[in-house]
Amino acid sequence: MKIENILLRLTEKANRQAPPEVDVVDDVMARLSAAGQHSPVVSDKPFVWIASLSTAAAIMTATLAVYAYYAWTSPLNEITDTIAWVL
């Protein structure tokens, strides 16, 4: 209860006080206009090309890896199927 009373008195005191008047429009507008003049232009096109080429290379590598896996494991499957049929 004691803490609640302290908090209630603080909120009443805060509600009685008026907020200070601050005018920041000129400063904000000056910073915005200065920021617009000095911003460098960055092009994303080289990064897009690098990403697309690396994606194409990854797809080709994965495709070749799958074909190589099936080519190397297929003879083993045929041998085991033959042995299982004989038994």
Protein backbone atom coordinates (compact mmCIF):
# COMPACT_ATOMS: atom_id res chain seq x y z
CA MET A 1 0.00 0.00 0.00
CA LYS A 2 2.80 2.37 0.78
CA ILE A 3 4.33 1.97 -2.68
CA GLU A 4 0.93 2.46 -4.32
CA ASN A 5 0.41 5.72 -2.45
CA ILE A 6 3.83 6.97 -3.50
CA LEU A 7 3.11 6.07 -7.12
CA LEU A 8 -0.30 7.75 -7.00
CA ARG A 9 1.23 10.96 -5.63
CA LEU A 10 3.91 10.87 -8.32
CA THR A 11 1.33 10.44 -11.09
CA GLU A 12 -0.79 13.29 -9.69
CA LYS A 13 2.25 15.53 -9.56
CA ALA A 14 3.23 14.55 -13.09
CA ASN A 15 -0.27 15.25 -14.38
CA ARG A 16 -0.21 18.76 -12.86
CA GLN A 17 3.02 19.72 -14.63
CA ALA A 18 2.91 21.04 -18.15
CA PRO A 19 5.30 19.58 -20.70
CA PRO A 20 7.99 21.97 -21.93
CA GLU A 21 7.45 23.46 -25.34
CA VAL A 22 10.11 22.40 -27.78
CA ASP A 23 10.39 23.47 -31.39
CA VAL A 24 12.59 21.07 -33.34
CA VAL A 25 11.12 21.60 -36.79
CA ASP A 26 13.99 23.75 -38.11
CA ASP A 27 16.67 21.36 -36.87
CA VAL A 28 14.91 18.28 -38.24
CA MET A 29 14.28 19.89 -41.63
CA ALA A 30 17.92 21.00 -41.86
CA ARG A 31 19.14 17.48 -41.10
CA LEU A 32 16.75 15.91 -43.61
CA SER A 33 17.78 18.26 -46.38
CA ALA A 34 21.48 17.72 -45.59
CA ALA A 35 21.03 13.95 -45.54
CA GLY A 36 19.36 13.97 -48.94
CA GLN A 37 22.18 15.90 -50.57
CA HIS A 38 25.07 13.72 -49.40
CA SER A 39 23.63 10.24 -49.79
CA PRO A 40 25.68 8.11 -52.19
CA VAL A 41 23.89 6.04 -54.80
CA VAL A 42 24.48 2.30 -54.32
CA SER A 43 23.57 -0.04 -57.12
CA ASP A 44 22.46 -3.57 -56.27
CA LYS A 45 22.77 -4.90 -59.82
CA PRO A 46 26.28 -6.38 -59.43
CA PHE A 47 25.20 -8.23 -56.30
CA VAL A 48 22.11 -9.57 -58.08
CA TRP A 49 24.25 -10.87 -60.95
CA ILE A 50 26.72 -12.51 -58.59
CA ALA A 51 23.89 -14.14 -56.66
CA SER A 52 22.19 -15.42 -59.82
CA LEU A 53 25.43 -16.85 -61.22
CA SER A 54 26.30 -18.56 -57.95
CA THR A 55 22.78 -19.99 -57.75
CA ALA A 56 23.06 -21.38 -61.27
CA ALA A 57 26.45 -22.92 -60.44
CA ALA A 58 25.03 -24.47 -57.27
CA ILE A 59 22.11 -26.00 -59.17
CA MET A 60 24.42 -27.48 -61.79
CA THR A 61 26.75 -28.86 -59.12
CA ALA A 62 23.87 -30.43 -57.20
CA THR A 63 22.47 -31.99 -60.38
CA LEU A 64 25.84 -33.47 -61.30
CA ALA A 65 26.31 -34.75 -57.75
CA VAL A 66 22.95 -36.55 -57.86
CA TYR A 67 23.77 -38.14 -61.22
CA ALA A 68 27.21 -39.19 -59.97
CA TYR A 69 25.68 -40.69 -56.82
CA TYR A 70 23.21 -42.77 -58.83
CA ALA A 71 25.93 -43.83 -61.28
CA TRP A 72 28.22 -45.03 -58.49
CA THR A 73 25.57 -46.78 -56.39
CA SER A 74 23.67 -48.46 -59.22
CA PRO A 75 26.23 -51.26 -59.83
CA LEU A 76 26.20 -52.09 -56.13
CA ASN A 77 22.43 -52.37 -56.17
CA GLU A 78 22.54 -54.73 -59.14
CA ILE A 79 25.11 -56.98 -57.42
CA THR A 80 23.10 -57.16 -54.20
CA ASP A 81 19.88 -57.84 -56.10
CA THR A 82 21.59 -60.67 -58.00
CA ILE A 83 22.97 -62.21 -54.84
CA ALA A 84 19.63 -61.95 -53.10
CA TRP A 85 17.89 -63.63 -56.03
CA VAL A 86 20.37 -66.52 -56.03
CA LEU A 87 19.96 -67.10 -52.32
